[in-house]
Amino acid sequence: MFAVLVLGLLLTLAVAIVGWFRPLPAKPPSAPVYSSQQIADAKAKVCAEYQKVHSAITTNTSRDRGTDPTAQQIFGLNGRQALLAGSEYLRTVVSAEPATPSELASTIRKLADLYQEATVDYLDSLPDADMDPVVHASDEATLKIESLCK
């Protein structure tokens, strides 16, 4: 009887010791907190880079293509490259600036998605009428970004 009592006490003590040294469950990581200066700097960087991409896309998609079929193909290719490169560049910039305000970051990501969709649509030679929803959504995202960047 005494042996059973000692064995029970030792077992309880062993469980207590193991529990004492067992690591605590990991706390979920808290969202980083950024200073107002970090947020302002990130916003300024993202907005400046957005303007650069917007200018490149506008320049390459609004040129007079003329009547030469070869020139038309080259201008079309330049526009598609501007959309694709611009979308990837915007994603890179937003990823590198985690303090970017969430609404601006999500709208930039949405615009990058739309640029990629438009690129595929252009490559698929869709008629303008079929591309109107993507173009309209891109215009809306552009206006929102420009208002957020003021």
Foldseek 3Di string as FASTA:
>chain_A
DVVVVVVVVVVVVVVVVCVVPDDDPDDPDDDDDDDPVLQVVLLQQLLVLLVVLVVQLCVLQPDDQDDDPVSVVVSLVSNLCSLQVSLVVSLVSCVVRVSHPPVLSVLSNVLSVLSNVVSVCVVVVPDPVVCVVSVVSNVVSVVVNVVVSD
